[in-house]
Structure formats: structure tokens, C-alpha cells
Amino acid sequence: MSTAVANQILLIDDDQDVLRGASLRLGAAGYRPTTACDGRQGIDRAVKDHPDGLQVLSTLRHRAETRAIPVIMLSASLVDQDAALEAGARFFLTKPYQSKALLAALRAALREAGGGNASGSSDAVAGGAHQGPSAVQAKEAGATEAEW
């Protein structure tokens, strides 16, 4: 990923003062912020600027309000696997993925985050699912062995 692409940041907030302040701070720190005042505009800007999944993940991890959101990355590119897991993705599934693998990864990630449907299903994380560095935390949070 080129430095120019890695420095692109999409900021979405309904408070124009927050957007202006964050944009100025990020610009002064060497980033290239793009702002949006709501989710719809954010999606439009994201599509226009073509950030990839790793850029979106990086943005989520750098923002305090989204840092704890569990992220499951799906990609046909194995090249992105290590980078995605190091950047904080909870799981990485290769495309084409198996539905059971996606559901099991989702259950484990939600269980770790303390919410969602943790039905105790014994679906195995298979079909190309790779765990991020927080797999030990998932086990400690009560994820079943089949989920991690």
C-alpha cells in the first residue's frame, strides 16, 4: 500500500466543528482527511475515494468510538491476511468463504465483545478463517474451542 493511500482517512460525524477540528489535526499530522457529515455521505465518499478494507480497518482502530468494534475481514487476497490481523481484525476469512465459518467467526467475535447471539453452537471456524492476535482473549471470554 502506498504512503499516499495509507494516509487517506475518512471522517464521519454529524458535528461540523468536530469534523473541522479533527480534519485540521489529522492534516497537520500528515494525513489526508476526507470528511462526511453522515453515514450516507460517508459511504458515497468511501466509494468515490476507494479506500480498501485495510484502510477502513485502520480508521476504525484509530477512532476511540470504533476501536472496540470486532471486525471480520473477508478477502480473496491472502497477501492482506497478516496485515489485516496485525491491524486488529478479529478474524480473516478467505473468499470464497464457507457460511459456517463466517457465522462461527461472528459468534466468537460477538461473544468476545460481550454481545450478540452467542448460542453455543459448535460450528467450527473453518474454510479459511484465521484468527487475530486476540484469539486467547476470545478463549478467556468463553468462546468454545470450536469457535477459536
Protein backbone atom coordinates (compact mmCIF):
# COMPACT_ATOMS: atom_id res chain seq x y z
CA MET A 1 0.00 0.00 0.00
CA SER A 2 1.49 3.34 -0.97
CA THR A 3 2.04 6.04 1.64
CA ALA A 4 -0.42 8.33 -0.15
CA VAL A 5 -3.15 5.71 0.08
CA ALA A 6 -2.27 4.76 3.67
CA ASN A 7 -2.56 8.39 4.73
CA GLN A 8 -6.14 8.78 3.49
CA ILE A 9 -8.63 8.97 6.35
CA LEU A 10 -12.43 9.13 6.10
CA LEU A 11 -14.02 11.04 8.99
CA ILE A 12 -17.77 10.76 9.50
CA ASP A 13 -19.54 12.89 12.13
CA ASP A 14 -22.71 14.95 12.27
CA ASP A 15 -20.95 17.75 14.18
CA GLN A 16 -19.22 20.09 11.72
CA ASP A 17 -16.99 21.53 14.45
CA VAL A 18 -15.68 18.04 15.30
CA LEU A 19 -15.07 17.31 11.62
CA ARG A 20 -13.27 20.61 11.10
CA GLY A 21 -11.09 20.17 14.21
CA ALA A 22 -10.25 16.52 13.53
CA SER A 23 -9.53 17.27 9.89
CA LEU A 24 -7.14 20.08 10.81
CA ARG A 25 -5.36 17.93 13.40
CA LEU A 26 -5.04 14.96 11.06
CA GLY A 27 -3.89 17.17 8.19
CA ALA A 28 -1.21 18.70 10.42
CA ALA A 29 -0.08 15.17 11.36
CA GLY A 30 0.45 14.26 7.70
CA TYR A 31 -2.84 12.52 6.96
CA ARG A 32 -5.20 13.29 4.09
CA PRO A 33 -8.63 13.51 5.72
CA THR A 34 -11.90 13.39 3.82
CA THR A 35 -14.98 14.40 5.78
CA ALA A 36 -18.63 13.42 5.67
CA CYS A 37 -21.49 14.74 7.80
CA ASP A 38 -23.48 11.49 7.94
CA GLY A 39 -23.26 7.80 7.12
CA ARG A 40 -24.77 8.09 3.65
CA GLN A 41 -22.32 10.81 2.65
CA GLY A 42 -19.53 8.75 4.24
CA ILE A 43 -20.41 5.75 2.09
CA ASP A 44 -20.52 7.96 -1.00
CA ARG A 45 -17.11 9.40 -0.20
CA ALA A 46 -15.68 5.98 0.61
CA VAL A 47 -16.80 4.63 -2.74
CA LYS A 48 -15.50 7.72 -4.52
CA ASP A 49 -12.11 7.58 -2.79
CA HIS A 50 -11.88 3.77 -2.99
CA PRO A 51 -10.41 3.00 0.41
CA ASP A 52 -9.72 -0.69 0.75
CA GLY A 53 -10.67 -2.84 3.71
CA LEU A 54 -7.32 -2.31 5.39
CA GLN A 55 -7.78 1.46 5.23
CA VAL A 56 -11.26 1.19 6.71
CA LEU A 57 -9.94 -1.10 9.47
CA SER A 58 -7.13 1.34 10.22
CA THR A 59 -9.63 4.17 10.50
CA LEU A 60 -11.86 2.15 12.82
CA ARG A 61 -8.93 1.26 15.07
CA HIS A 62 -7.67 4.85 15.32
CA ARG A 63 -11.03 6.27 16.43
CA ALA A 64 -11.84 5.86 20.09
CA GLU A 65 -15.56 5.32 19.46
CA THR A 66 -14.99 2.48 16.97
CA ARG A 67 -11.78 0.95 18.32
CA ALA A 68 -13.56 -1.90 20.14
CA ILE A 69 -15.84 -2.94 17.27
CA PRO A 70 -14.95 -6.52 16.30
CA VAL A 71 -14.05 -6.69 12.60
CA ILE A 72 -14.14 -9.80 10.43
CA MET A 73 -12.29 -9.26 7.16
CA LEU A 74 -13.23 -11.19 4.02
CA SER A 75 -10.83 -11.06 1.10
CA ALA A 76 -9.70 -13.14 -1.83
CA SER A 77 -6.18 -11.82 -1.25
CA LEU A 78 -4.03 -13.84 1.12
CA VAL A 79 -1.47 -11.05 0.89
CA ASP A 80 -3.76 -8.93 3.12
CA GLN A 81 -4.15 -11.61 5.80
CA ASP A 82 -1.19 -10.75 8.03
CA ALA A 83 -1.71 -7.01 7.63
CA ALA A 84 -5.42 -7.32 8.50
CA LEU A 85 -4.79 -9.41 11.61
CA GLU A 86 -1.96 -7.13 12.76
CA ALA A 87 -4.19 -4.10 12.19
CA GLY A 88 -6.79 -5.52 14.54
CA ALA A 89 -9.19 -7.68 12.54
CA ARG A 90 -10.63 -10.33 14.85
CA PHE A 91 -10.82 -12.91 12.05
CA PHE A 92 -9.74 -13.10 8.42
CA LEU A 93 -11.73 -15.32 6.05
CA THR A 94 -10.63 -16.03 2.53
CA LYS A 95 -13.09 -15.85 -0.35
CA PRO A 96 -14.87 -17.90 -1.28
CA TYR A 97 -15.76 -18.49 2.35
CA GLN A 98 -17.97 -21.08 3.99
CA SER A 99 -21.15 -19.78 5.62
CA LYS A 100 -20.47 -21.83 8.73
CA ALA A 101 -17.03 -20.25 9.06
CA LEU A 102 -18.48 -16.75 8.83
CA LEU A 103 -21.20 -17.50 11.38
CA ALA A 104 -18.74 -19.13 13.79
CA ALA A 105 -16.31 -16.20 13.48
CA LEU A 106 -19.19 -13.79 14.06
CA ARG A 107 -20.36 -15.67 17.16
CA ALA A 108 -16.84 -15.76 18.59
CA ALA A 109 -16.26 -12.05 17.89
CA LEU A 110 -19.59 -11.07 19.43
CA ARG A 111 -19.02 -13.30 22.43
CA GLU A 112 -15.65 -11.63 22.97
CA ALA A 113 -17.25 -8.20 22.64
CA GLY A 114 -19.89 -9.20 25.19
CA GLY A 115 -22.96 -9.11 22.98
CA GLY A 116 -24.85 -10.68 20.14
CA ASN A 117 -26.10 -14.21 19.72
CA ALA A 118 -23.64 -16.49 21.46
CA SER A 119 -25.84 -19.54 21.04
CA GLY A 120 -23.17 -22.03 21.98
CA SER A 121 -23.28 -23.61 18.55
CA SER A 122 -20.42 -25.95 17.83
CA ASP A 123 -19.86 -24.63 14.30
CA ALA A 124 -16.14 -24.77 13.64
CA VAL A 125 -14.25 -21.81 12.30
CA ALA A 126 -13.10 -23.42 9.07
CA GLY A 127 -12.83 -22.75 5.39
CA GLY A 128 -10.02 -20.24 5.59
CA ALA A 129 -10.81 -18.42 8.82
CA HIS A 130 -7.71 -17.18 10.58
CA GLN A 131 -7.73 -15.61 14.00
CA GLY A 132 -6.17 -12.39 15.02
CA PRO A 133 -3.94 -11.83 17.99
CA SER A 134 -6.94 -11.71 20.34
CA ALA A 135 -7.78 -15.41 19.99
CA VAL A 136 -6.52 -16.01 23.54
CA GLN A 137 -8.85 -13.27 24.73
CA ALA A 138 -11.75 -14.97 22.93
CA LYS A 139 -11.00 -18.21 24.77
CA GLU A 140 -10.84 -16.34 28.07
CA ALA A 141 -14.14 -14.64 27.23
CA GLY A 142 -15.81 -18.04 26.96
CA ALA A 143 -15.60 -18.85 23.27
CA THR A 144 -15.78 -22.56 22.72
CA GLU A 145 -12.75 -24.41 21.36
CA ALA A 146 -14.62 -24.95 18.11
CA GLU A 147 -15.05 -21.17 17.76
CA TRP A 148 -11.39 -20.29 18.25
